[in-house]
Amino acid sequence: MGFFNNAKLEPTPELAPLTKERIKATLEASSWSYHVDSDGDIGSGWDHGVIWFFTYGNQAEILQVRGIWDGKLSPDDLPQALDVVNEWNCDRLFPKGLCPDQRRGPAPGDL
C-alpha cells in the first residue's frame, strides 16, 4: 500500500472565493477578536505581537498572513538573531523571517 493509489477520486466542491468577510467569519468562528483598520486590513493581537491578514491580486484572491513580534532584542543579541533567522530562511520555504535593526521599527514575518 502507500499514500497514493489508483482509486478514482470524487470531485471536491469548489471553494468559495476569498473575501475579507470570510476571513472575519473564520476568526469569529474561533472566538478570536480582531480589528479592521482604516484601509480595511484585518488585524488580531496575540500574546506577543500582531497578526495581519491581507488580500492581494486583481480580485483580492491572494491571502498573505503577516505576523509582527513586539519583543525587543538587546543590541548584543542582534547578531545571534540574524544567524537564526538566516538559517531558518535557508532551511524553510515559509514562514519567512526578518530581523531588521530594531532602531528602525518592528520585525515582521510573513506566513
PDB file of N, CA and C in Angstrom:
ATOM      1  N   MET A   1       0.844  -1.179   0.000  1.00  0.00           N
ATOM      2  CA  MET A   1       0.000   0.000   0.000  1.00  0.00           C
ATOM      3  C   MET A   1       0.880   1.230   0.000  1.00  0.00           C
ATOM      4  N   GLY A   2       0.333   2.304   0.133  1.00  0.00           N
ATOM      5  CA  GLY A   2       1.066   3.555   0.164  1.00  0.00           C
ATOM      6  C   GLY A   2       0.086   4.697   0.236  1.00  0.00           C
ATOM      7  N   PHE A   3       0.635   5.841   0.291  1.00  0.00           N
ATOM      8  CA  PHE A   3      -0.225   7.018   0.381  1.00  0.00           C
ATOM      9  C   PHE A   3      -1.012   7.210  -0.907  1.00  0.00           C
ATOM     10  N   PHE A   4      -0.361   6.981  -2.029  1.00  0.00           N
ATOM     11  CA  PHE A   4      -1.018   7.175  -3.312  1.00  0.00           C
ATOM     12  C   PHE A   4      -1.500   5.832  -3.849  1.00  0.00           C
ATOM     13  N   ASN A   5      -2.651   5.852  -4.488  1.00  0.00           N
ATOM     14  CA  ASN A   5      -3.150   4.658  -5.154  1.00  0.00           C
ATOM     15  C   ASN A   5      -3.888   5.096  -6.416  1.00  0.00           C
ATOM     16  N   ASN A   6      -4.421   4.147  -7.120  1.00  0.00           N
ATOM     17  CA  ASN A   6      -5.081   4.451  -8.387  1.00  0.00           C
ATOM     18  C   ASN A   6      -6.590   4.605  -8.249  1.00  0.00           C
ATOM     19  N   ALA A   7      -7.079   4.731  -7.038  1.00  0.00           N
ATOM     20  CA  ALA A   7      -8.523   4.865  -6.837  1.00  0.00           C
ATOM     21  C   ALA A   7      -9.020   6.167  -7.465  1.00  0.00           C
ATOM     22  N   LYS A   8     -10.239   6.100  -7.991  1.00  0.00           N
ATOM     23  CA  LYS A   8     -10.824   7.312  -8.562  1.00  0.00           C
ATOM     24  C   LYS A   8     -11.238   8.238  -7.425  1.00  0.00           C
ATOM     25  N   LEU A   9     -10.947   9.495  -7.610  1.00  0.00           N
ATOM     26  CA  LEU A   9     -11.312  10.491  -6.612  1.00  0.00           C
ATOM     27  C   LEU A   9     -12.587  11.196  -7.034  1.00  0.00           C
ATOM     28  N   GLU A  10     -13.429  11.434  -6.061  1.00  0.00           N
ATOM     29  CA  GLU A  10     -14.644  12.198  -6.317  1.00  0.00           C
ATOM     30  C   GLU A  10     -14.269  13.678  -6.411  1.00  0.00           C
ATOM     31  N   PRO A  11     -14.930  14.415  -7.277  1.00  0.00           N
ATOM     32  CA  PRO A  11     -14.641  15.847  -7.353  1.00  0.00           C
ATOM     33  C   PRO A  11     -14.974  16.525  -6.023  1.00  0.00           C
ATOM     34  N   THR A  12     -14.177  17.476  -5.660  1.00  0.00           N
ATOM     35  CA  THR A  12     -14.439  18.223  -4.431  1.00  0.00           C
ATOM     36  C   THR A  12     -15.252  19.461  -4.771  1.00  0.00           C
ATOM     37  N   PRO A  13     -16.030  19.942  -3.810  1.00  0.00           N
ATOM     38  CA  PRO A  13     -16.802  21.155  -4.095  1.00  0.00           C
ATOM     39  C   PRO A  13     -15.856  22.338  -4.293  1.00  0.00           C
ATOM     40  N   GLU A  14     -16.288  23.264  -5.109  1.00  0.00           N
ATOM     41  CA  GLU A  14     -15.470  24.447  -5.375  1.00  0.00           C
ATOM     42  C   GLU A  14     -15.386  25.308  -4.119  1.00  0.00           C
ATOM     43  N   LEU A  15     -14.202  25.829  -3.855  1.00  0.00           N
ATOM     44  CA  LEU A  15     -14.033  26.723  -2.717  1.00  0.00           C
ATOM     45  C   LEU A  15     -14.730  28.048  -2.985  1.00  0.00           C
ATOM     46  N   ALA A  16     -15.278  28.609  -1.932  1.00  0.00           N
ATOM     47  CA  ALA A  16     -15.845  29.948  -2.051  1.00  0.00           C
ATOM     48  C   ALA A  16     -14.702  30.937  -2.255  1.00  0.00           C
ATOM     49  N   PRO A  17     -14.940  32.013  -2.960  1.00  0.00           N
ATOM     50  CA  PRO A  17     -13.874  32.996  -3.177  1.00  0.00           C
ATOM     51  C   PRO A  17     -13.368  33.572  -1.854  1.00  0.00           C
ATOM     52  N   LEU A  18     -12.095  33.924  -1.842  1.00  0.00           N
ATOM     53  CA  LEU A  18     -11.506  34.575  -0.682  1.00  0.00           C
ATOM     54  C   LEU A  18     -12.079  35.983  -0.570  1.00  0.00           C
ATOM     55  N   THR A  19     -12.582  36.306   0.603  1.00  0.00           N
ATOM     56  CA  THR A  19     -13.074  37.661   0.866  1.00  0.00           C
ATOM     57  C   THR A  19     -12.672  38.045   2.283  1.00  0.00           C
ATOM     58  N   LYS A  20     -12.656  39.324   2.542  1.00  0.00           N
ATOM     59  CA  LYS A  20     -12.376  39.780   3.904  1.00  0.00           C
ATOM     60  C   LYS A  20     -13.491  39.340   4.848  1.00  0.00           C
ATOM     61  N   GLU A  21     -14.705  39.225   4.328  1.00  0.00           N
ATOM     62  CA  GLU A  21     -15.810  38.743   5.150  1.00  0.00           C
ATOM     63  C   GLU A  21     -15.573  37.298   5.591  1.00  0.00           C
ATOM     64  N   ARG A  22     -15.026  36.471   4.692  1.00  0.00           N
ATOM     65  CA  ARG A  22     -14.709  35.081   5.063  1.00  0.00           C
ATOM     66  C   ARG A  22     -13.604  35.039   6.102  1.00  0.00           C
ATOM     67  N   ILE A  23     -12.606  35.916   5.974  1.00  0.00           N
ATOM     68  CA  ILE A  23     -11.529  35.959   6.966  1.00  0.00           C
ATOM     69  C   ILE A  23     -12.114  36.319   8.329  1.00  0.00           C
ATOM     70  N   LYS A  24     -12.954  37.350   8.371  1.00  0.00           N
ATOM     71  CA  LYS A  24     -13.561  37.764   9.645  1.00  0.00           C
ATOM     72  C   LYS A  24     -14.445  36.655  10.212  1.00  0.00           C
ATOM     73  N   ALA A  25     -15.219  35.998   9.360  1.00  0.00           N
ATOM     74  CA  ALA A  25     -16.086  34.908   9.827  1.00  0.00           C
ATOM     75  C   ALA A  25     -15.261  33.764  10.408  1.00  0.00           C
ATOM     76  N   THR A  26     -14.113  33.475   9.799  1.00  0.00           N
ATOM     77  CA  THR A  26     -13.239  32.417  10.308  1.00  0.00           C
ATOM     78  C   THR A  26     -12.684  32.790  11.673  1.00  0.00           C
ATOM     79  N   LEU A  27     -12.253  34.033  11.834  1.00  0.00           N
ATOM     80  CA  LEU A  27     -11.763  34.486  13.138  1.00  0.00           C
ATOM     81  C   LEU A  27     -12.878  34.435  14.178  1.00  0.00           C
ATOM     82  N   GLU A  28     -14.068  34.883  13.806  1.00  0.00           N
ATOM     83  CA  GLU A  28     -15.208  34.863  14.726  1.00  0.00           C
ATOM     84  C   GLU A  28     -15.581  33.437  15.114  1.00  0.00           C
ATOM     85  N   ALA A  29     -15.519  32.506  14.162  1.00  0.00           N
ATOM     86  CA  ALA A  29     -15.855  31.104  14.448  1.00  0.00           C
ATOM     87  C   ALA A  29     -14.897  30.497  15.469  1.00  0.00           C
ATOM     88  N   SER A  30     -13.675  31.039  15.540  1.00  0.00           N
ATOM     89  CA  SER A  30     -12.693  30.567  16.522  1.00  0.00           C
ATOM     90  C   SER A  30     -12.705  31.426  17.783  1.00  0.00           C
ATOM     91  N   SER A  31     -13.656  32.344  17.877  1.00  0.00           N
ATOM     92  CA  SER A  31     -13.781  33.274  19.014  1.00  0.00           C
ATOM     93  C   SER A  31     -12.537  34.135  19.195  1.00  0.00           C
ATOM     94  N   TRP A  32     -11.892  34.502  18.092  1.00  0.00           N
ATOM     95  CA  TRP A  32     -10.723  35.382  18.140  1.00  0.00           C
ATOM     96  C   TRP A  32     -11.181  36.810  17.865  1.00  0.00           C
ATOM     97  N   SER A  33     -10.725  37.727  18.684  1.00  0.00           N
ATOM     98  CA  SER A  33     -11.061  39.124  18.443  1.00  0.00           C
ATOM     99  C   SER A  33     -10.160  39.669  17.338  1.00  0.00           C
ATOM    100  N   TYR A  34     -10.633  40.689  16.655  1.00  0.00           N
ATOM    101  CA  TYR A  34      -9.868  41.293  15.570  1.00  0.00           C
ATOM    102  C   TYR A  34     -10.315  42.735  15.426  1.00  0.00           C
ATOM    103  N   HIS A  35      -9.575  43.477  14.651  1.00  0.00           N
ATOM    104  CA  HIS A  35      -9.962  44.843  14.321  1.00  0.00           C
ATOM    105  C   HIS A  35      -9.726  45.068  12.830  1.00  0.00           C
ATOM    106  N   VAL A  36     -10.388  46.064  12.303  1.00  0.00           N
ATOM    107  CA  VAL A  36     -10.232  46.431  10.895  1.00  0.00           C
ATOM    108  C   VAL A  36      -9.722  47.868  10.874  1.00  0.00           C
ATOM    109  N   ASP A  37      -8.587  48.087  10.195  1.00  0.00           N
ATOM    110  CA  ASP A  37      -8.023  49.440  10.162  1.00  0.00           C
ATOM    111  C   ASP A  37      -8.695  50.280   9.074  1.00  0.00           C
ATOM    112  N   SER A  38      -8.247  51.513   8.940  1.00  0.00           N
ATOM    113  CA  SER A  38      -8.880  52.446   8.000  1.00  0.00           C
ATOM    114  C   SER A  38      -8.726  52.021   6.539  1.00  0.00           C
ATOM    115  N   ASP A  39      -7.752  51.140   6.252  1.00  0.00           N
ATOM    116  CA  ASP A  39      -7.582  50.611   4.889  1.00  0.00           C
ATOM    117  C   ASP A  39      -8.406  49.350   4.647  1.00  0.00           C
ATOM    118  N   GLY A  40      -9.102  48.875   5.679  1.00  0.00           N
ATOM    119  CA  GLY A  40      -9.873  47.645   5.553  1.00  0.00           C
ATOM    120  C   GLY A  40      -9.077  46.394   5.854  1.00  0.00           C
ATOM    121  N   ASP A  41      -7.815  46.556   6.302  1.00  0.00           N
ATOM    122  CA  ASP A  41      -6.989  45.398   6.645  1.00  0.00           C
ATOM    123  C   ASP A  41      -7.411  44.846   8.002  1.00  0.00           C
ATOM    124  N   ILE A  42      -7.336  43.529   8.133  1.00  0.00           N
ATOM    125  CA  ILE A  42      -7.795  42.842   9.339  1.00  0.00           C
ATOM    126  C   ILE A  42      -6.586  42.473  10.179  1.00  0.00           C
ATOM    127  N   GLY A  43      -6.617  42.845  11.448  1.00  0.00           N
ATOM    128  CA  GLY A  43      -5.519  42.527  12.357  1.00  0.00           C
ATOM    129  C   GLY A  43      -6.050  41.930  13.639  1.00  0.00           C
ATOM    130  N   SER A  44      -5.233  41.105  14.258  1.00  0.00           N
ATOM    131  CA  SER A  44      -5.606  40.482  15.521  1.00  0.00           C
ATOM    132  C   SER A  44      -4.373  40.393  16.399  1.00  0.00           C
ATOM    133  N   GLY A  45      -4.517  40.693  17.671  1.00  0.00           N
ATOM    134  CA  GLY A  45      -3.390  40.631  18.590  1.00  0.00           C
ATOM    135  C   GLY A  45      -3.371  39.325  19.355  1.00  0.00           C
ATOM    136  N   TRP A  46      -2.174  38.793  19.549  1.00  0.00           N
ATOM    137  CA  TRP A  46      -1.978  37.621  20.382  1.00  0.00           C
ATOM    138  C   TRP A  46      -0.964  37.961  21.455  1.00  0.00           C
ATOM    139  N   ASP A  47      -0.487  36.982  22.156  1.00  0.00           N
ATOM    140  CA  ASP A  47       0.353  37.206  23.331  1.00  0.00           C
ATOM    141  C   ASP A  47       1.528  38.149  23.101  1.00  0.00           C
ATOM    142  N   HIS A  48       2.248  37.974  22.026  1.00  0.00           N
ATOM    143  CA  HIS A  48       3.485  38.740  21.848  1.00  0.00           C
ATOM    144  C   HIS A  48       3.566  39.434  20.498  1.00  0.00           C
ATOM    145  N   GLY A  49       2.441  39.840  19.959  1.00  0.00           N
ATOM    146  CA  GLY A  49       2.506  40.516  18.681  1.00  0.00           C
ATOM    147  C   GLY A  49       1.158  40.664  18.024  1.00  0.00           C
ATOM    148  N   VAL A  50       1.206  41.015  16.773  1.00  0.00           N
ATOM    149  CA  VAL A  50       0.012  41.244  15.969  1.00  0.00           C
ATOM    150  C   VAL A  50       0.113  40.398  14.711  1.00  0.00           C
ATOM    151  N   ILE A  51      -1.000  39.875  14.276  1.00  0.00           N
ATOM    152  CA  ILE A  51      -1.092  39.135  13.021  1.00  0.00           C
ATOM    153  C   ILE A  51      -2.027  39.928  12.105  1.00  0.00           C
ATOM    154  N   TRP A  52      -1.564  40.188  10.896  1.00  0.00           N
ATOM    155  CA  TRP A  52      -2.371  40.892   9.898  1.00  0.00           C
ATOM    156  C   TRP A  52      -2.764  39.920   8.786  1.00  0.00           C
ATOM    157  N   PHE A  53      -3.970  40.084   8.280  1.00  0.00           N
ATOM    158  CA  PHE A  53      -4.494  39.273   7.185  1.00  0.00           C
ATOM    159  C   PHE A  53      -4.749  40.214   6.004  1.00  0.00           C
ATOM    160  N   PHE A  54      -3.926  40.093   4.968  1.00  0.00           N
ATOM    161  CA  PHE A  54      -4.027  40.957   3.794  1.00  0.00           C
ATOM    162  C   PHE A  54      -4.514  40.147   2.594  1.00  0.00           C
ATOM    163  N   THR A  55      -5.224  40.810   1.695  1.00  0.00           N
ATOM    164  CA  THR A  55      -5.572  40.195   0.416  1.00  0.00           C
ATOM    165  C   THR A  55      -4.921  41.015  -0.695  1.00  0.00           C
ATOM    166  N   TYR A  56      -4.417  40.299  -1.695  1.00  0.00           N
ATOM    167  CA  TYR A  56      -3.746  40.918  -2.834  1.00  0.00           C
ATOM    168  C   TYR A  56      -4.249  40.275  -4.117  1.00  0.00           C
ATOM    169  N   GLY A  57      -3.869  40.841  -5.230  1.00  0.00           N
ATOM    170  CA  GLY A  57      -4.245  40.302  -6.533  1.00  0.00           C
ATOM    171  C   GLY A  57      -5.339  41.141  -7.167  1.00  0.00           C
ATOM    172  N   ASN A  58      -5.549  40.907  -8.456  1.00  0.00           N
ATOM    173  CA  ASN A  58      -6.555  41.677  -9.197  1.00  0.00           C
ATOM    174  C   ASN A  58      -7.952  41.523  -8.619  1.00  0.00           C
ATOM    175  N   GLN A  59      -8.233  40.358  -8.040  1.00  0.00           N
ATOM    176  CA  GLN A  59      -9.552  40.108  -7.462  1.00  0.00           C
ATOM    177  C   GLN A  59      -9.441  39.805  -5.970  1.00  0.00           C
ATOM    178  N   ALA A  60      -8.364  40.265  -5.330  1.00  0.00           N
ATOM    179  CA  ALA A  60      -8.116  40.016  -3.902  1.00  0.00           C
ATOM    180  C   ALA A  60      -8.159  38.520  -3.603  1.00  0.00           C
ATOM    181  N   GLU A  61      -7.577  37.730  -4.525  1.00  0.00           N
ATOM    182  CA  GLU A  61      -7.636  36.270  -4.419  1.00  0.00           C
ATOM    183  C   GLU A  61      -6.424  35.674  -3.709  1.00  0.00           C
ATOM    184  N   ILE A  62      -5.469  36.496  -3.327  1.00  0.00           N
ATOM    185  CA  ILE A  62      -4.248  36.020  -2.672  1.00  0.00           C
ATOM    186  C   ILE A  62      -4.278  36.444  -1.210  1.00  0.00           C
ATOM    187  N   LEU A  63      -4.081  35.487  -0.322  1.00  0.00           N
ATOM    188  CA  LEU A  63      -4.060  35.766   1.118  1.00  0.00           C
ATOM    189  C   LEU A  63      -2.617  35.816   1.598  1.00  0.00           C
ATOM    190  N   GLN A  64      -2.287  36.861   2.315  1.00  0.00           N
ATOM    191  CA  GLN A  64      -0.991  36.944   2.990  1.00  0.00           C
ATOM    192  C   GLN A  64      -1.265  37.158   4.474  1.00  0.00           C
ATOM    193  N   VAL A  65      -0.621  36.338   5.304  1.00  0.00           N
ATOM    194  CA  VAL A  65      -0.718  36.476   6.754  1.00  0.00           C
ATOM    195  C   VAL A  65       0.641  36.954   7.231  1.00  0.00           C
ATOM    196  N   ARG A  66       0.663  38.080   7.901  1.00  0.00           N
ATOM    197  CA  ARG A  66       1.930  38.675   8.347  1.00  0.00           C
ATOM    198  C   ARG A  66       1.893  38.848   9.862  1.00  0.00           C
ATOM    199  N   GLY A  67       2.885  38.261  10.529  1.00  0.00           N
ATOM    200  CA  GLY A  67       2.993  38.378  11.979  1.00  0.00           C
ATOM    201  C   GLY A  67       4.122  39.317  12.359  1.00  0.00           C
ATOM    202  N   ILE A  68       3.875  40.150  13.338  1.00  0.00           N
ATOM    203  CA  ILE A  68       4.896  41.077  13.819  1.00  0.00           C
ATOM    204  C   ILE A  68       5.052  40.867  15.320  1.00  0.00           C
ATOM    205  N   TRP A  69       6.225  40.419  15.715  1.00  0.00           N
ATOM    206  CA  TRP A  69       6.547  40.184  17.117  1.00  0.00           C
ATOM    207  C   TRP A  69       6.827  41.523  17.770  1.00  0.00           C
ATOM    208  N   ASP A  70       6.301  41.750  18.970  1.00  0.00           N
ATOM    209  CA  ASP A  70       6.524  43.035  19.616  1.00  0.00           C
ATOM    210  C   ASP A  70       7.642  43.006  20.655  1.00  0.00           C
ATOM    211  N   GLY A  71       8.419  41.933  20.663  1.00  0.00           N
ATOM    212  CA  GLY A  71       9.534  41.847  21.599  1.00  0.00           C
ATOM    213  C   GLY A  71      10.701  42.726  21.188  1.00  0.00           C
ATOM    214  N   LYS A  72      11.605  42.900  22.098  1.00  0.00           N
ATOM    215  CA  LYS A  72      12.797  43.708  21.841  1.00  0.00           C
ATOM    216  C   LYS A  72      14.036  42.865  22.111  1.00  0.00           C
ATOM    217  N   LEU A  73      15.024  43.002  21.263  1.00  0.00           N
ATOM    218  CA  LEU A  73      16.316  42.347  21.451  1.00  0.00           C
ATOM    219  C   LEU A  73      17.329  43.389  21.887  1.00  0.00           C
ATOM    220  N   SER A  74      18.252  42.956  22.712  1.00  0.00           N
ATOM    221  CA  SER A  74      19.349  43.858  23.048  1.00  0.00           C
ATOM    222  C   SER A  74      20.283  43.927  21.840  1.00  0.00           C
ATOM    223  N   PRO A  75      21.030  45.006  21.688  1.00  0.00           N
ATOM    224  CA  PRO A  75      21.973  45.096  20.565  1.00  0.00           C
ATOM    225  C   PRO A  75      22.957  43.924  20.535  1.00  0.00           C
ATOM    226  N   ASP A  76      23.295  43.389  21.705  1.00  0.00           N
ATOM    227  CA  ASP A  76      24.217  42.254  21.761  1.00  0.00           C
ATOM    228  C   ASP A  76      23.604  40.979  21.195  1.00  0.00           C
ATOM    229  N   ASP A  77      22.266  40.874  21.228  1.00  0.00           N
ATOM    230  CA  ASP A  77      21.586  39.673  20.738  1.00  0.00           C
ATOM    231  C   ASP A  77      21.315  39.709  19.237  1.00  0.00           C
ATOM    232  N   LEU A  78      21.452  40.868  18.615  1.00  0.00           N
ATOM    233  CA  LEU A  78      21.119  41.005  17.197  1.00  0.00           C
ATOM    234  C   LEU A  78      21.918  40.071  16.288  1.00  0.00           C
ATOM    235  N   PRO A  79      23.250  39.926  16.456  1.00  0.00           N
ATOM    236  CA  PRO A  79      23.977  39.003  15.570  1.00  0.00           C
ATOM    237  C   PRO A  79      23.469  37.562  15.655  1.00  0.00           C
ATOM    238  N   GLN A  80      23.169  37.088  16.860  1.00  0.00           N
ATOM    239  CA  GLN A  80      22.650  35.727  17.004  1.00  0.00           C
ATOM    240  C   GLN A  80      21.266  35.619  16.362  1.00  0.00           C
ATOM    241  N   ALA A  81      20.426  36.639  16.548  1.00  0.00           N
ATOM    242  CA  ALA A  81      19.096  36.624  15.940  1.00  0.00           C
ATOM    243  C   ALA A  81      19.201  36.582  14.418  1.00  0.00           C
ATOM    244  N   LEU A  82      20.124  37.347  13.859  1.00  0.00           N
ATOM    245  CA  LEU A  82      20.323  37.327  12.404  1.00  0.00           C
ATOM    246  C   LEU A  82      20.749  35.947  11.925  1.00  0.00           C
ATOM    247  N   ASP A  83      21.640  35.294  12.674  1.00  0.00           N
ATOM    248  CA  ASP A  83      22.068  33.939  12.311  1.00  0.00           C
ATOM    249  C   ASP A  83      20.894  32.969  12.327  1.00  0.00           C
ATOM    250  N   VAL A  84      20.067  33.044  13.371  1.00  0.00           N
ATOM    251  CA  VAL A  84      18.917  32.137  13.492  1.00  0.00           C
ATOM    252  C   VAL A  84      17.936  32.367  12.346  1.00  0.00           C
ATOM    253  N   VAL A  85      17.619  33.626  12.071  1.00  0.00           N
ATOM    254  CA  VAL A  85      16.660  33.942  11.008  1.00  0.00           C
ATOM    255  C   VAL A  85      17.205  33.527   9.641  1.00  0.00           C
ATOM    256  N   ASN A  86      18.486  33.794   9.390  1.00  0.00           N
ATOM    257  CA  ASN A  86      19.070  33.398   8.102  1.00  0.00           C
ATOM    258  C   ASN A  86      19.068  31.886   7.929  1.00  0.00           C
ATOM    259  N   GLU A  87      19.398  31.153   8.988  1.00  0.00           N
ATOM    260  CA  GLU A  87      19.364  29.689   8.912  1.00  0.00           C
ATOM    261  C   GLU A  87      17.940  29.209   8.656  1.00  0.00           C
ATOM    262  N   TRP A  88      16.986  29.789   9.368  1.00  0.00           N
ATOM    263  CA  TRP A  88      15.573  29.437   9.182  1.00  0.00           C
ATOM    264  C   TRP A  88      15.170  29.636   7.720  1.00  0.00           C
ATOM    265  N   ASN A  89      15.493  30.790   7.161  1.00  0.00           N
ATOM    266  CA  ASN A  89      15.092  31.093   5.785  1.00  0.00           C
ATOM    267  C   ASN A  89      15.778  30.200   4.762  1.00  0.00           C
ATOM    268  N   CYS A  90      16.976  29.726   5.071  1.00  0.00           N
ATOM    269  CA  CYS A  90      17.676  28.814   4.154  1.00  0.00           C
ATOM    270  C   CYS A  90      17.076  27.414   4.179  1.00  0.00           C
ATOM    271  N   ASP A  91      16.560  27.004   5.336  1.00  0.00           N
ATOM    272  CA  ASP A  91      16.056  25.644   5.508  1.00  0.00           C
ATOM    273  C   ASP A  91      14.568  25.504   5.224  1.00  0.00           C
ATOM    274  N   ARG A  92      13.838  26.593   5.182  1.00  0.00           N
ATOM    275  CA  ARG A  92      12.387  26.523   5.056  1.00  0.00           C
ATOM    276  C   ARG A  92      11.898  27.492   3.982  1.00  0.00           C
ATOM    277  N   LEU A  93      10.860  27.077   3.292  1.00  0.00           N
ATOM    278  CA  LEU A  93      10.259  27.944   2.286  1.00  0.00           C
ATOM    279  C   LEU A  93       9.426  29.039   2.946  1.00  0.00           C
ATOM    280  N   PHE A  94       8.708  28.679   3.983  1.00  0.00           N
ATOM    281  CA  PHE A  94       7.902  29.639   4.727  1.00  0.00           C
ATOM    282  C   PHE A  94       7.682  29.100   6.127  1.00  0.00           C
ATOM    283  N   PRO A  95       7.299  29.890   7.100  1.00  0.00           N
ATOM    284  CA  PRO A  95       7.176  31.336   7.001  1.00  0.00           C
ATOM    285  C   PRO A  95       8.533  32.004   6.895  1.00  0.00           C
ATOM    286  N   LYS A  96       8.551  33.127   6.238  1.00  0.00           N
ATOM    287  CA  LYS A  96       9.779  33.900   6.062  1.00  0.00           C
ATOM    288  C   LYS A  96       9.991  34.738   7.314  1.00  0.00           C
ATOM    289  N   GLY A  97      11.213  34.807   7.785  1.00  0.00           N
ATOM    290  CA  GLY A  97      11.534  35.629   8.946  1.00  0.00           C
ATOM    291  C   GLY A  97      12.449  36.771   8.561  1.00  0.00           C
ATOM    292  N   LEU A  98      12.269  37.889   9.216  1.00  0.00           N
ATOM    293  CA  LEU A  98      13.119  39.056   9.012  1.00  0.00           C
ATOM    294  C   LEU A  98      13.605  39.531  10.373  1.00  0.00           C
ATOM    295  N   CYS A  99      14.786  40.071  10.403  1.00  0.00           N
ATOM    296  CA  CYS A  99      15.330  40.587  11.655  1.00  0.00           C
ATOM    297  C   CYS A  99      16.020  41.919  11.370  1.00  0.00           C
ATOM    298  N   PRO A 100      15.224  42.960  11.138  1.00  0.00           N
ATOM    299  CA  PRO A 100      15.829  44.257  10.848  1.00  0.00           C
ATOM    300  C   PRO A 100      16.393  44.894  12.113  1.00  0.00           C
ATOM    301  N   ASP A 101      17.187  45.898  11.926  1.00  0.00           N
ATOM    302  CA  ASP A 101      17.698  46.683  13.043  1.00  0.00           C
ATOM    303  C   ASP A 101      16.494  47.297  13.753  1.00  0.00           C
ATOM    304  N   GLN A 102      16.300  46.974  15.017  1.00  0.00           N
ATOM    305  CA  GLN A 102      15.094  47.402  15.721  1.00  0.00           C
ATOM    306  C   GLN A 102      15.008  48.904  15.941  1.00  0.00           C
ATOM    307  N   ARG A 103      16.089  49.594  15.744  1.00  0.00           N
ATOM    308  CA  ARG A 103      16.004  51.049  15.855  1.00  0.00           C
ATOM    309  C   ARG A 103      15.177  51.612  14.713  1.00  0.00           C
ATOM    310  N   ARG A 104      14.926  50.781  13.693  1.00  0.00           N
ATOM    311  CA  ARG A 104      14.141  51.222  12.531  1.00  0.00           C
ATOM    312  C   ARG A 104      12.680  50.795  12.614  1.00  0.00           C
ATOM    313  N   GLY A 105      12.329  49.952  13.566  1.00  0.00           N
ATOM    314  CA  GLY A 105      10.943  49.535  13.692  1.00  0.00           C
ATOM    315  C   GLY A 105      10.822  48.067  14.028  1.00  0.00           C
ATOM    316  N   PRO A 106       9.579  47.543  14.057  1.00  0.00           N
ATOM    317  CA  PRO A 106       9.339  46.145  14.445  1.00  0.00           C
ATOM    318  C   PRO A 106       9.829  45.154  13.402  1.00  0.00           C
ATOM    319  N   ALA A 107       9.946  43.900  13.820  1.00  0.00           N
ATOM    320  CA  ALA A 107      10.432  42.830  12.944  1.00  0.00           C
ATOM    321  C   ALA A 107       9.260  42.013  12.424  1.00  0.00           C
ATOM    322  N   PRO A 108       8.891  42.149  11.141  1.00  0.00           N
ATOM    323  CA  PRO A 108       7.778  41.375  10.594  1.00  0.00           C
ATOM    324  C   PRO A 108       8.220  40.008  10.096  1.00  0.00           C
ATOM    325  N   GLY A 109       7.267  39.116   9.954  1.00  0.00           N
ATOM    326  CA  GLY A 109       7.486  37.823   9.323  1.00  0.00           C
ATOM    327  C   GLY A 109       6.254  37.466   8.526  1.00  0.00           C
ATOM    328  N   ASP A 110       6.407  36.908   7.359  1.00  0.00           N
ATOM    329  CA  ASP A 110       5.275  36.569   6.501  1.00  0.00           C
ATOM    330  C   ASP A 110       5.007  35.085   6.547  1.00  0.00           C
ATOM    331  N   LEU A 111       3.696  34.737   6.574  1.00  0.00           N
ATOM    332  CA  LEU A 111       3.280  33.334   6.512  1.00  0.00           C
ATOM    333  C   LEU A 111       2.640  33.087   5.172  1.00  0.00           C
TER     334      LEU A 111
END
